PDBML (XML) file of the C-alpha atoms, coordinates in Angstrom:
<?xml version="1.0" encoding="UTF-8" ?>
<PDBx:datablock datablockName="MODEL"
   xmlns:PDBx="http://pdbml.pdb.org/schema/pdbx-v50.xsd"
   xmlns:xsi="http://www.w3.org/2001/XMLSchema-instance"
   xsi:schemaLocation="http://pdbml.pdb.org/schema/pdbx-v50.xsd pdbx-v50.xsd">
   <PDBx:atom_siteCategory>
      <PDBx:atom_site id="1">
         <PDBx:B_iso_or_equiv>0.00</PDBx:B_iso_or_equiv>
         <PDBx:Cartn_x>-35.864</PDBx:Cartn_x>
         <PDBx:Cartn_y>-53.714</PDBx:Cartn_y>
         <PDBx:Cartn_z>-139.093</PDBx:Cartn_z>
         <PDBx:auth_asym_id>A</PDBx:auth_asym_id>
         <PDBx:auth_atom_id>CA</PDBx:auth_atom_id>
         <PDBx:auth_comp_id>GLY</PDBx:auth_comp_id>
         <PDBx:auth_seq_id>1</PDBx:auth_seq_id>
         <PDBx:group_PDB>ATOM</PDBx:group_PDB>
         <PDBx:label_alt_id xsi:nil="true" />
         <PDBx:label_asym_id>A</PDBx:label_asym_id>
         <PDBx:label_atom_id>CA</PDBx:label_atom_id>
         <PDBx:label_comp_id>GLY</PDBx:label_comp_id>
         <PDBx:label_entity_id>1</PDBx:label_entity_id>
         <PDBx:label_seq_id>1</PDBx:label_seq_id>
         <PDBx:occupancy>1.00</PDBx:occupancy>
         <PDBx:pdbx_PDB_model_num>1</PDBx:pdbx_PDB_model_num>
         <PDBx:type_symbol>C</PDBx:type_symbol>
      </PDBx:atom_site>
      <PDBx:atom_site id="2">
         <PDBx:B_iso_or_equiv>0.00</PDBx:B_iso_or_equiv>
         <PDBx:Cartn_x>-38.688</PDBx:Cartn_x>
         <PDBx:Cartn_y>-54.040</PDBx:Cartn_y>
         <PDBx:Cartn_z>-141.113</PDBx:Cartn_z>
         <PDBx:auth_asym_id>A</PDBx:auth_asym_id>
         <PDBx:auth_atom_id>CA</PDBx:auth_atom_id>
         <PDBx:auth_comp_id>LEU</PDBx:auth_comp_id>
         <PDBx:auth_seq_id>2</PDBx:auth_seq_id>
         <PDBx:group_PDB>ATOM</PDBx:group_PDB>
         <PDBx:label_alt_id xsi:nil="true" />
         <PDBx:label_asym_id>A</PDBx:label_asym_id>
         <PDBx:label_atom_id>CA</PDBx:label_atom_id>
         <PDBx:label_comp_id>LEU</PDBx:label_comp_id>
         <PDBx:label_entity_id>1</PDBx:label_entity_id>
         <PDBx:label_seq_id>2</PDBx:label_seq_id>
         <PDBx:occupancy>1.00</PDBx:occupancy>
         <PDBx:pdbx_PDB_model_num>1</PDBx:pdbx_PDB_model_num>
         <PDBx:type_symbol>C</PDBx:type_symbol>
      </PDBx:atom_site>
      <PDBx:atom_site id="3">
         <PDBx:B_iso_or_equiv>0.00</PDBx:B_iso_or_equiv>
         <PDBx:Cartn_x>-40.442</PDBx:Cartn_x>
         <PDBx:Cartn_y>-57.241</PDBx:Cartn_y>
         <PDBx:Cartn_z>-143.051</PDBx:Cartn_z>
         <PDBx:auth_asym_id>A</PDBx:auth_asym_id>
         <PDBx:auth_atom_id>CA</PDBx:auth_atom_id>
         <PDBx:auth_comp_id>ILE</PDBx:auth_comp_id>
         <PDBx:auth_seq_id>3</PDBx:auth_seq_id>
         <PDBx:group_PDB>ATOM</PDBx:group_PDB>
         <PDBx:label_alt_id xsi:nil="true" />
         <PDBx:label_asym_id>A</PDBx:label_asym_id>
         <PDBx:label_atom_id>CA</PDBx:label_atom_id>
         <PDBx:label_comp_id>ILE</PDBx:label_comp_id>
         <PDBx:label_entity_id>1</PDBx:label_entity_id>
         <PDBx:label_seq_id>3</PDBx:label_seq_id>
         <PDBx:occupancy>1.00</PDBx:occupancy>
         <PDBx:pdbx_PDB_model_num>1</PDBx:pdbx_PDB_model_num>
         <PDBx:type_symbol>C</PDBx:type_symbol>
      </PDBx:atom_site>
      <PDBx:atom_site id="4">
         <PDBx:B_iso_or_equiv>0.00</PDBx:B_iso_or_equiv>
         <PDBx:Cartn_x>-42.228</PDBx:Cartn_x>
         <PDBx:Cartn_y>-57.210</PDBx:Cartn_y>
         <PDBx:Cartn_z>-145.637</PDBx:Cartn_z>
         <PDBx:auth_asym_id>A</PDBx:auth_asym_id>
         <PDBx:auth_atom_id>CA</PDBx:auth_atom_id>
         <PDBx:auth_comp_id>GLY</PDBx:auth_comp_id>
         <PDBx:auth_seq_id>4</PDBx:auth_seq_id>
         <PDBx:group_PDB>ATOM</PDBx:group_PDB>
         <PDBx:label_alt_id xsi:nil="true" />
         <PDBx:label_asym_id>A</PDBx:label_asym_id>
         <PDBx:label_atom_id>CA</PDBx:label_atom_id>
         <PDBx:label_comp_id>GLY</PDBx:label_comp_id>
         <PDBx:label_entity_id>1</PDBx:label_entity_id>
         <PDBx:label_seq_id>4</PDBx:label_seq_id>
         <PDBx:occupancy>1.00</PDBx:occupancy>
         <PDBx:pdbx_PDB_model_num>1</PDBx:pdbx_PDB_model_num>
         <PDBx:type_symbol>C</PDBx:type_symbol>
      </PDBx:atom_site>
      <PDBx:atom_site id="5">
         <PDBx:B_iso_or_equiv>0.00</PDBx:B_iso_or_equiv>
         <PDBx:Cartn_x>-43.256</PDBx:Cartn_x>
         <PDBx:Cartn_y>-60.045</PDBx:Cartn_y>
         <PDBx:Cartn_z>-148.190</PDBx:Cartn_z>
         <PDBx:auth_asym_id>A</PDBx:auth_asym_id>
         <PDBx:auth_atom_id>CA</PDBx:auth_atom_id>
         <PDBx:auth_comp_id>HIS</PDBx:auth_comp_id>
         <PDBx:auth_seq_id>5</PDBx:auth_seq_id>
         <PDBx:group_PDB>ATOM</PDBx:group_PDB>
         <PDBx:label_alt_id xsi:nil="true" />
         <PDBx:label_asym_id>A</PDBx:label_asym_id>
         <PDBx:label_atom_id>CA</PDBx:label_atom_id>
         <PDBx:label_comp_id>HIS</PDBx:label_comp_id>
         <PDBx:label_entity_id>1</PDBx:label_entity_id>
         <PDBx:label_seq_id>5</PDBx:label_seq_id>
         <PDBx:occupancy>1.00</PDBx:occupancy>
         <PDBx:pdbx_PDB_model_num>1</PDBx:pdbx_PDB_model_num>
         <PDBx:type_symbol>C</PDBx:type_symbol>
      </PDBx:atom_site>
      <PDBx:atom_site id="6">
         <PDBx:B_iso_or_equiv>0.00</PDBx:B_iso_or_equiv>
         <PDBx:Cartn_x>-44.864</PDBx:Cartn_x>
         <PDBx:Cartn_y>-59.213</PDBx:Cartn_y>
         <PDBx:Cartn_z>-152.054</PDBx:Cartn_z>
         <PDBx:auth_asym_id>A</PDBx:auth_asym_id>
         <PDBx:auth_atom_id>CA</PDBx:auth_atom_id>
         <PDBx:auth_comp_id>SER</PDBx:auth_comp_id>
         <PDBx:auth_seq_id>6</PDBx:auth_seq_id>
         <PDBx:group_PDB>ATOM</PDBx:group_PDB>
         <PDBx:label_alt_id xsi:nil="true" />
         <PDBx:label_asym_id>A</PDBx:label_asym_id>
         <PDBx:label_atom_id>CA</PDBx:label_atom_id>
         <PDBx:label_comp_id>SER</PDBx:label_comp_id>
         <PDBx:label_entity_id>1</PDBx:label_entity_id>
         <PDBx:label_seq_id>6</PDBx:label_seq_id>
         <PDBx:occupancy>1.00</PDBx:occupancy>
         <PDBx:pdbx_PDB_model_num>1</PDBx:pdbx_PDB_model_num>
         <PDBx:type_symbol>C</PDBx:type_symbol>
      </PDBx:atom_site>
      <PDBx:atom_site id="7">
         <PDBx:B_iso_or_equiv>0.00</PDBx:B_iso_or_equiv>
         <PDBx:Cartn_x>-46.121</PDBx:Cartn_x>
         <PDBx:Cartn_y>-55.470</PDBx:Cartn_y>
         <PDBx:Cartn_z>-151.837</PDBx:Cartn_z>
         <PDBx:auth_asym_id>A</PDBx:auth_asym_id>
         <PDBx:auth_atom_id>CA</PDBx:auth_atom_id>
         <PDBx:auth_comp_id>GLU</PDBx:auth_comp_id>
         <PDBx:auth_seq_id>7</PDBx:auth_seq_id>
         <PDBx:group_PDB>ATOM</PDBx:group_PDB>
         <PDBx:label_alt_id xsi:nil="true" />
         <PDBx:label_asym_id>A</PDBx:label_asym_id>
         <PDBx:label_atom_id>CA</PDBx:label_atom_id>
         <PDBx:label_comp_id>GLU</PDBx:label_comp_id>
         <PDBx:label_entity_id>1</PDBx:label_entity_id>
         <PDBx:label_seq_id>7</PDBx:label_seq_id>
         <PDBx:occupancy>1.00</PDBx:occupancy>
         <PDBx:pdbx_PDB_model_num>1</PDBx:pdbx_PDB_model_num>
         <PDBx:type_symbol>C</PDBx:type_symbol>
      </PDBx:atom_site>
      <PDBx:atom_site id="8">
         <PDBx:B_iso_or_equiv>0.00</PDBx:B_iso_or_equiv>
         <PDBx:Cartn_x>-45.702</PDBx:Cartn_x>
         <PDBx:Cartn_y>-55.517</PDBx:Cartn_y>
         <PDBx:Cartn_z>-147.703</PDBx:Cartn_z>
         <PDBx:auth_asym_id>A</PDBx:auth_asym_id>
         <PDBx:auth_atom_id>CA</PDBx:auth_atom_id>
         <PDBx:auth_comp_id>GLY</PDBx:auth_comp_id>
         <PDBx:auth_seq_id>8</PDBx:auth_seq_id>
         <PDBx:group_PDB>ATOM</PDBx:group_PDB>
         <PDBx:label_alt_id xsi:nil="true" />
         <PDBx:label_asym_id>A</PDBx:label_asym_id>
         <PDBx:label_atom_id>CA</PDBx:label_atom_id>
         <PDBx:label_comp_id>GLY</PDBx:label_comp_id>
         <PDBx:label_entity_id>1</PDBx:label_entity_id>
         <PDBx:label_seq_id>8</PDBx:label_seq_id>
         <PDBx:occupancy>1.00</PDBx:occupancy>
         <PDBx:pdbx_PDB_model_num>1</PDBx:pdbx_PDB_model_num>
         <PDBx:type_symbol>C</PDBx:type_symbol>
      </PDBx:atom_site>
      <PDBx:atom_site id="9">
         <PDBx:B_iso_or_equiv>0.00</PDBx:B_iso_or_equiv>
         <PDBx:Cartn_x>-41.488</PDBx:Cartn_x>
         <PDBx:Cartn_y>-55.659</PDBx:Cartn_y>
         <PDBx:Cartn_z>-149.394</PDBx:Cartn_z>
         <PDBx:auth_asym_id>A</PDBx:auth_asym_id>
         <PDBx:auth_atom_id>CA</PDBx:auth_atom_id>
         <PDBx:auth_comp_id>GLY</PDBx:auth_comp_id>
         <PDBx:auth_seq_id>9</PDBx:auth_seq_id>
         <PDBx:group_PDB>ATOM</PDBx:group_PDB>
         <PDBx:label_alt_id xsi:nil="true" />
         <PDBx:label_asym_id>A</PDBx:label_asym_id>
         <PDBx:label_atom_id>CA</PDBx:label_atom_id>
         <PDBx:label_comp_id>GLY</PDBx:label_comp_id>
         <PDBx:label_entity_id>1</PDBx:label_entity_id>
         <PDBx:label_seq_id>9</PDBx:label_seq_id>
         <PDBx:occupancy>1.00</PDBx:occupancy>
         <PDBx:pdbx_PDB_model_num>1</PDBx:pdbx_PDB_model_num>
         <PDBx:type_symbol>C</PDBx:type_symbol>
      </PDBx:atom_site>
      <PDBx:atom_site id="10">
         <PDBx:B_iso_or_equiv>0.00</PDBx:B_iso_or_equiv>
         <PDBx:Cartn_x>-42.054</PDBx:Cartn_x>
         <PDBx:Cartn_y>-51.861</PDBx:Cartn_y>
         <PDBx:Cartn_z>-151.065</PDBx:Cartn_z>
         <PDBx:auth_asym_id>A</PDBx:auth_asym_id>
         <PDBx:auth_atom_id>CA</PDBx:auth_atom_id>
         <PDBx:auth_comp_id>GLU</PDBx:auth_comp_id>
         <PDBx:auth_seq_id>10</PDBx:auth_seq_id>
         <PDBx:group_PDB>ATOM</PDBx:group_PDB>
         <PDBx:label_alt_id xsi:nil="true" />
         <PDBx:label_asym_id>A</PDBx:label_asym_id>
         <PDBx:label_atom_id>CA</PDBx:label_atom_id>
         <PDBx:label_comp_id>GLU</PDBx:label_comp_id>
         <PDBx:label_entity_id>1</PDBx:label_entity_id>
         <PDBx:label_seq_id>10</PDBx:label_seq_id>
         <PDBx:occupancy>1.00</PDBx:occupancy>
         <PDBx:pdbx_PDB_model_num>1</PDBx:pdbx_PDB_model_num>
         <PDBx:type_symbol>C</PDBx:type_symbol>
      </PDBx:atom_site>
      <PDBx:atom_site id="11">
         <PDBx:B_iso_or_equiv>0.00</PDBx:B_iso_or_equiv>
         <PDBx:Cartn_x>-44.419</PDBx:Cartn_x>
         <PDBx:Cartn_y>-50.578</PDBx:Cartn_y>
         <PDBx:Cartn_z>-148.364</PDBx:Cartn_z>
         <PDBx:auth_asym_id>A</PDBx:auth_asym_id>
         <PDBx:auth_atom_id>CA</PDBx:auth_atom_id>
         <PDBx:auth_comp_id>GLY</PDBx:auth_comp_id>
         <PDBx:auth_seq_id>11</PDBx:auth_seq_id>
         <PDBx:group_PDB>ATOM</PDBx:group_PDB>
         <PDBx:label_alt_id xsi:nil="true" />
         <PDBx:label_asym_id>A</PDBx:label_asym_id>
         <PDBx:label_atom_id>CA</PDBx:label_atom_id>
         <PDBx:label_comp_id>GLY</PDBx:label_comp_id>
         <PDBx:label_entity_id>1</PDBx:label_entity_id>
         <PDBx:label_seq_id>11</PDBx:label_seq_id>
         <PDBx:occupancy>1.00</PDBx:occupancy>
         <PDBx:pdbx_PDB_model_num>1</PDBx:pdbx_PDB_model_num>
         <PDBx:type_symbol>C</PDBx:type_symbol>
      </PDBx:atom_site>
      <PDBx:atom_site id="12">
         <PDBx:B_iso_or_equiv>0.00</PDBx:B_iso_or_equiv>
         <PDBx:Cartn_x>-41.351</PDBx:Cartn_x>
         <PDBx:Cartn_y>-51.415</PDBx:Cartn_y>
         <PDBx:Cartn_z>-146.152</PDBx:Cartn_z>
         <PDBx:auth_asym_id>A</PDBx:auth_asym_id>
         <PDBx:auth_atom_id>CA</PDBx:auth_atom_id>
         <PDBx:auth_comp_id>ILE</PDBx:auth_comp_id>
         <PDBx:auth_seq_id>12</PDBx:auth_seq_id>
         <PDBx:group_PDB>ATOM</PDBx:group_PDB>
         <PDBx:label_alt_id xsi:nil="true" />
         <PDBx:label_asym_id>A</PDBx:label_asym_id>
         <PDBx:label_atom_id>CA</PDBx:label_atom_id>
         <PDBx:label_comp_id>ILE</PDBx:label_comp_id>
         <PDBx:label_entity_id>1</PDBx:label_entity_id>
         <PDBx:label_seq_id>12</PDBx:label_seq_id>
         <PDBx:occupancy>1.00</PDBx:occupancy>
         <PDBx:pdbx_PDB_model_num>1</PDBx:pdbx_PDB_model_num>
         <PDBx:type_symbol>C</PDBx:type_symbol>
      </PDBx:atom_site>
      <PDBx:atom_site id="13">
         <PDBx:B_iso_or_equiv>0.00</PDBx:B_iso_or_equiv>
         <PDBx:Cartn_x>-38.908</PDBx:Cartn_x>
         <PDBx:Cartn_y>-50.069</PDBx:Cartn_y>
         <PDBx:Cartn_z>-148.359</PDBx:Cartn_z>
         <PDBx:auth_asym_id>A</PDBx:auth_asym_id>
         <PDBx:auth_atom_id>CA</PDBx:auth_atom_id>
         <PDBx:auth_comp_id>ALA</PDBx:auth_comp_id>
         <PDBx:auth_seq_id>13</PDBx:auth_seq_id>
         <PDBx:group_PDB>ATOM</PDBx:group_PDB>
         <PDBx:label_alt_id xsi:nil="true" />
         <PDBx:label_asym_id>A</PDBx:label_asym_id>
         <PDBx:label_atom_id>CA</PDBx:label_atom_id>
         <PDBx:label_comp_id>ALA</PDBx:label_comp_id>
         <PDBx:label_entity_id>1</PDBx:label_entity_id>
         <PDBx:label_seq_id>13</PDBx:label_seq_id>
         <PDBx:occupancy>1.00</PDBx:occupancy>
         <PDBx:pdbx_PDB_model_num>1</PDBx:pdbx_PDB_model_num>
         <PDBx:type_symbol>C</PDBx:type_symbol>
      </PDBx:atom_site>
      <PDBx:atom_site id="14">
         <PDBx:B_iso_or_equiv>0.00</PDBx:B_iso_or_equiv>
         <PDBx:Cartn_x>-40.987</PDBx:Cartn_x>
         <PDBx:Cartn_y>-46.723</PDBx:Cartn_y>
         <PDBx:Cartn_z>-148.408</PDBx:Cartn_z>
         <PDBx:auth_asym_id>A</PDBx:auth_asym_id>
         <PDBx:auth_atom_id>CA</PDBx:auth_atom_id>
         <PDBx:auth_comp_id>ILE</PDBx:auth_comp_id>
         <PDBx:auth_seq_id>14</PDBx:auth_seq_id>
         <PDBx:group_PDB>ATOM</PDBx:group_PDB>
         <PDBx:label_alt_id xsi:nil="true" />
         <PDBx:label_asym_id>A</PDBx:label_asym_id>
         <PDBx:label_atom_id>CA</PDBx:label_atom_id>
         <PDBx:label_comp_id>ILE</PDBx:label_comp_id>
         <PDBx:label_entity_id>1</PDBx:label_entity_id>
         <PDBx:label_seq_id>14</PDBx:label_seq_id>
         <PDBx:occupancy>1.00</PDBx:occupancy>
         <PDBx:pdbx_PDB_model_num>1</PDBx:pdbx_PDB_model_num>
         <PDBx:type_symbol>C</PDBx:type_symbol>
      </PDBx:atom_site>
      <PDBx:atom_site id="15">
         <PDBx:B_iso_or_equiv>0.00</PDBx:B_iso_or_equiv>
         <PDBx:Cartn_x>-40.924</PDBx:Cartn_x>
         <PDBx:Cartn_y>-47.022</PDBx:Cartn_y>
         <PDBx:Cartn_z>-144.091</PDBx:Cartn_z>
         <PDBx:auth_asym_id>A</PDBx:auth_asym_id>
         <PDBx:auth_atom_id>CA</PDBx:auth_atom_id>
         <PDBx:auth_comp_id>ALA</PDBx:auth_comp_id>
         <PDBx:auth_seq_id>15</PDBx:auth_seq_id>
         <PDBx:group_PDB>ATOM</PDBx:group_PDB>
         <PDBx:label_alt_id xsi:nil="true" />
         <PDBx:label_asym_id>A</PDBx:label_asym_id>
         <PDBx:label_atom_id>CA</PDBx:label_atom_id>
         <PDBx:label_comp_id>ALA</PDBx:label_comp_id>
         <PDBx:label_entity_id>1</PDBx:label_entity_id>
         <PDBx:label_seq_id>15</PDBx:label_seq_id>
         <PDBx:occupancy>1.00</PDBx:occupancy>
         <PDBx:pdbx_PDB_model_num>1</PDBx:pdbx_PDB_model_num>
         <PDBx:type_symbol>C</PDBx:type_symbol>
      </PDBx:atom_site>
      <PDBx:atom_site id="16">
         <PDBx:B_iso_or_equiv>0.00</PDBx:B_iso_or_equiv>
         <PDBx:Cartn_x>-37.118</PDBx:Cartn_x>
         <PDBx:Cartn_y>-47.499</PDBx:Cartn_y>
         <PDBx:Cartn_z>-144.157</PDBx:Cartn_z>
         <PDBx:auth_asym_id>A</PDBx:auth_asym_id>
         <PDBx:auth_atom_id>CA</PDBx:auth_atom_id>
         <PDBx:auth_comp_id>ALA</PDBx:auth_comp_id>
         <PDBx:auth_seq_id>16</PDBx:auth_seq_id>
         <PDBx:group_PDB>ATOM</PDBx:group_PDB>
         <PDBx:label_alt_id xsi:nil="true" />
         <PDBx:label_asym_id>A</PDBx:label_asym_id>
         <PDBx:label_atom_id>CA</PDBx:label_atom_id>
         <PDBx:label_comp_id>ALA</PDBx:label_comp_id>
         <PDBx:label_entity_id>1</PDBx:label_entity_id>
         <PDBx:label_seq_id>16</PDBx:label_seq_id>
         <PDBx:occupancy>1.00</PDBx:occupancy>
         <PDBx:pdbx_PDB_model_num>1</PDBx:pdbx_PDB_model_num>
         <PDBx:type_symbol>C</PDBx:type_symbol>
      </PDBx:atom_site>
      <PDBx:atom_site id="17">
         <PDBx:B_iso_or_equiv>0.00</PDBx:B_iso_or_equiv>
         <PDBx:Cartn_x>-36.726</PDBx:Cartn_x>
         <PDBx:Cartn_y>-44.581</PDBx:Cartn_y>
         <PDBx:Cartn_z>-146.559</PDBx:Cartn_z>
         <PDBx:auth_asym_id>A</PDBx:auth_asym_id>
         <PDBx:auth_atom_id>CA</PDBx:auth_atom_id>
         <PDBx:auth_comp_id>ALA</PDBx:auth_comp_id>
         <PDBx:auth_seq_id>17</PDBx:auth_seq_id>
         <PDBx:group_PDB>ATOM</PDBx:group_PDB>
         <PDBx:label_alt_id xsi:nil="true" />
         <PDBx:label_asym_id>A</PDBx:label_asym_id>
         <PDBx:label_atom_id>CA</PDBx:label_atom_id>
         <PDBx:label_comp_id>ALA</PDBx:label_comp_id>
         <PDBx:label_entity_id>1</PDBx:label_entity_id>
         <PDBx:label_seq_id>17</PDBx:label_seq_id>
         <PDBx:occupancy>1.00</PDBx:occupancy>
         <PDBx:pdbx_PDB_model_num>1</PDBx:pdbx_PDB_model_num>
         <PDBx:type_symbol>C</PDBx:type_symbol>
      </PDBx:atom_site>
      <PDBx:atom_site id="18">
         <PDBx:B_iso_or_equiv>0.00</PDBx:B_iso_or_equiv>
         <PDBx:Cartn_x>-39.123</PDBx:Cartn_x>
         <PDBx:Cartn_y>-42.239</PDBx:Cartn_y>
         <PDBx:Cartn_z>-144.257</PDBx:Cartn_z>
         <PDBx:auth_asym_id>A</PDBx:auth_asym_id>
         <PDBx:auth_atom_id>CA</PDBx:auth_atom_id>
         <PDBx:auth_comp_id>LYS</PDBx:auth_comp_id>
         <PDBx:auth_seq_id>18</PDBx:auth_seq_id>
         <PDBx:group_PDB>ATOM</PDBx:group_PDB>
         <PDBx:label_alt_id xsi:nil="true" />
         <PDBx:label_asym_id>A</PDBx:label_asym_id>
         <PDBx:label_atom_id>CA</PDBx:label_atom_id>
         <PDBx:label_comp_id>LYS</PDBx:label_comp_id>
         <PDBx:label_entity_id>1</PDBx:label_entity_id>
         <PDBx:label_seq_id>18</PDBx:label_seq_id>
         <PDBx:occupancy>1.00</PDBx:occupancy>
         <PDBx:pdbx_PDB_model_num>1</PDBx:pdbx_PDB_model_num>
         <PDBx:type_symbol>C</PDBx:type_symbol>
      </PDBx:atom_site>
      <PDBx:atom_site id="19">
         <PDBx:B_iso_or_equiv>0.00</PDBx:B_iso_or_equiv>
         <PDBx:Cartn_x>-37.091</PDBx:Cartn_x>
         <PDBx:Cartn_y>-42.532</PDBx:Cartn_y>
         <PDBx:Cartn_z>-141.053</PDBx:Cartn_z>
         <PDBx:auth_asym_id>A</PDBx:auth_asym_id>
         <PDBx:auth_atom_id>CA</PDBx:auth_atom_id>
         <PDBx:auth_comp_id>SER</PDBx:auth_comp_id>
         <PDBx:auth_seq_id>19</PDBx:auth_seq_id>
         <PDBx:group_PDB>ATOM</PDBx:group_PDB>
         <PDBx:label_alt_id xsi:nil="true" />
         <PDBx:label_asym_id>A</PDBx:label_asym_id>
         <PDBx:label_atom_id>CA</PDBx:label_atom_id>
         <PDBx:label_comp_id>SER</PDBx:label_comp_id>
         <PDBx:label_entity_id>1</PDBx:label_entity_id>
         <PDBx:label_seq_id>19</PDBx:label_seq_id>
         <PDBx:occupancy>1.00</PDBx:occupancy>
         <PDBx:pdbx_PDB_model_num>1</PDBx:pdbx_PDB_model_num>
         <PDBx:type_symbol>C</PDBx:type_symbol>
      </PDBx:atom_site>
      <PDBx:atom_site id="20">
         <PDBx:B_iso_or_equiv>0.00</PDBx:B_iso_or_equiv>
         <PDBx:Cartn_x>-33.338</PDBx:Cartn_x>
         <PDBx:Cartn_y>-43.238</PDBx:Cartn_y>
         <PDBx:Cartn_z>-139.793</PDBx:Cartn_z>
         <PDBx:auth_asym_id>A</PDBx:auth_asym_id>
         <PDBx:auth_atom_id>CA</PDBx:auth_atom_id>
         <PDBx:auth_comp_id>SER</PDBx:auth_comp_id>
         <PDBx:auth_seq_id>20</PDBx:auth_seq_id>
         <PDBx:group_PDB>ATOM</PDBx:group_PDB>
         <PDBx:label_alt_id xsi:nil="true" />
         <PDBx:label_asym_id>A</PDBx:label_asym_id>
         <PDBx:label_atom_id>CA</PDBx:label_atom_id>
         <PDBx:label_comp_id>SER</PDBx:label_comp_id>
         <PDBx:label_entity_id>1</PDBx:label_entity_id>
         <PDBx:label_seq_id>20</PDBx:label_seq_id>
         <PDBx:occupancy>1.00</PDBx:occupancy>
         <PDBx:pdbx_PDB_model_num>1</PDBx:pdbx_PDB_model_num>
         <PDBx:type_symbol>C</PDBx:type_symbol>
      </PDBx:atom_site>
      <PDBx:atom_site id="21">
         <PDBx:B_iso_or_equiv>0.00</PDBx:B_iso_or_equiv>
         <PDBx:Cartn_x>-34.385</PDBx:Cartn_x>
         <PDBx:Cartn_y>-44.933</PDBx:Cartn_y>
         <PDBx:Cartn_z>-137.250</PDBx:Cartn_z>
         <PDBx:auth_asym_id>A</PDBx:auth_asym_id>
         <PDBx:auth_atom_id>CA</PDBx:auth_atom_id>
         <PDBx:auth_comp_id>ASP</PDBx:auth_comp_id>
         <PDBx:auth_seq_id>21</PDBx:auth_seq_id>
         <PDBx:group_PDB>ATOM</PDBx:group_PDB>
         <PDBx:label_alt_id xsi:nil="true" />
         <PDBx:label_asym_id>A</PDBx:label_asym_id>
         <PDBx:label_atom_id>CA</PDBx:label_atom_id>
         <PDBx:label_comp_id>ASP</PDBx:label_comp_id>
         <PDBx:label_entity_id>1</PDBx:label_entity_id>
         <PDBx:label_seq_id>21</PDBx:label_seq_id>
         <PDBx:occupancy>1.00</PDBx:occupancy>
         <PDBx:pdbx_PDB_model_num>1</PDBx:pdbx_PDB_model_num>
         <PDBx:type_symbol>C</PDBx:type_symbol>
      </PDBx:atom_site>
      <PDBx:atom_site id="22">
         <PDBx:B_iso_or_equiv>0.00</PDBx:B_iso_or_equiv>
         <PDBx:Cartn_x>-34.437</PDBx:Cartn_x>
         <PDBx:Cartn_y>-47.681</PDBx:Cartn_y>
         <PDBx:Cartn_z>-139.376</PDBx:Cartn_z>
         <PDBx:auth_asym_id>A</PDBx:auth_asym_id>
         <PDBx:auth_atom_id>CA</PDBx:auth_atom_id>
         <PDBx:auth_comp_id>VAL</PDBx:auth_comp_id>
         <PDBx:auth_seq_id>22</PDBx:auth_seq_id>
         <PDBx:group_PDB>ATOM</PDBx:group_PDB>
         <PDBx:label_alt_id xsi:nil="true" />
         <PDBx:label_asym_id>A</PDBx:label_asym_id>
         <PDBx:label_atom_id>CA</PDBx:label_atom_id>
         <PDBx:label_comp_id>VAL</PDBx:label_comp_id>
         <PDBx:label_entity_id>1</PDBx:label_entity_id>
         <PDBx:label_seq_id>22</PDBx:label_seq_id>
         <PDBx:occupancy>1.00</PDBx:occupancy>
         <PDBx:pdbx_PDB_model_num>1</PDBx:pdbx_PDB_model_num>
         <PDBx:type_symbol>C</PDBx:type_symbol>
      </PDBx:atom_site>
      <PDBx:atom_site id="23">
         <PDBx:B_iso_or_equiv>0.00</PDBx:B_iso_or_equiv>
         <PDBx:Cartn_x>-31.881</PDBx:Cartn_x>
         <PDBx:Cartn_y>-49.725</PDBx:Cartn_y>
         <PDBx:Cartn_z>-139.958</PDBx:Cartn_z>
         <PDBx:auth_asym_id>A</PDBx:auth_asym_id>
         <PDBx:auth_atom_id>CA</PDBx:auth_atom_id>
         <PDBx:auth_comp_id>LYS</PDBx:auth_comp_id>
         <PDBx:auth_seq_id>23</PDBx:auth_seq_id>
         <PDBx:group_PDB>ATOM</PDBx:group_PDB>
         <PDBx:label_alt_id xsi:nil="true" />
         <PDBx:label_asym_id>A</PDBx:label_asym_id>
         <PDBx:label_atom_id>CA</PDBx:label_atom_id>
         <PDBx:label_comp_id>LYS</PDBx:label_comp_id>
         <PDBx:label_entity_id>1</PDBx:label_entity_id>
         <PDBx:label_seq_id>23</PDBx:label_seq_id>
         <PDBx:occupancy>1.00</PDBx:occupancy>
         <PDBx:pdbx_PDB_model_num>1</PDBx:pdbx_PDB_model_num>
         <PDBx:type_symbol>C</PDBx:type_symbol>
      </PDBx:atom_site>
      <PDBx:atom_site id="24">
         <PDBx:B_iso_or_equiv>0.00</PDBx:B_iso_or_equiv>
         <PDBx:Cartn_x>-32.292</PDBx:Cartn_x>
         <PDBx:Cartn_y>-52.953</PDBx:Cartn_y>
         <PDBx:Cartn_z>-141.787</PDBx:Cartn_z>
         <PDBx:auth_asym_id>A</PDBx:auth_asym_id>
         <PDBx:auth_atom_id>CA</PDBx:auth_atom_id>
         <PDBx:auth_comp_id>PHE</PDBx:auth_comp_id>
         <PDBx:auth_seq_id>24</PDBx:auth_seq_id>
         <PDBx:group_PDB>ATOM</PDBx:group_PDB>
         <PDBx:label_alt_id xsi:nil="true" />
         <PDBx:label_asym_id>A</PDBx:label_asym_id>
         <PDBx:label_atom_id>CA</PDBx:label_atom_id>
         <PDBx:label_comp_id>PHE</PDBx:label_comp_id>
         <PDBx:label_entity_id>1</PDBx:label_entity_id>
         <PDBx:label_seq_id>24</PDBx:label_seq_id>
         <PDBx:occupancy>1.00</PDBx:occupancy>
         <PDBx:pdbx_PDB_model_num>1</PDBx:pdbx_PDB_model_num>
         <PDBx:type_symbol>C</PDBx:type_symbol>
      </PDBx:atom_site>
   </PDBx:atom_siteCategory>
</PDBx:datablock>
């Protein structure tokens, strides 16, 4: 899983969309 704060929230959404390994 990934956690992000503020603009980091946008970064984790992009990273999760590009990786099937990220589950939440």
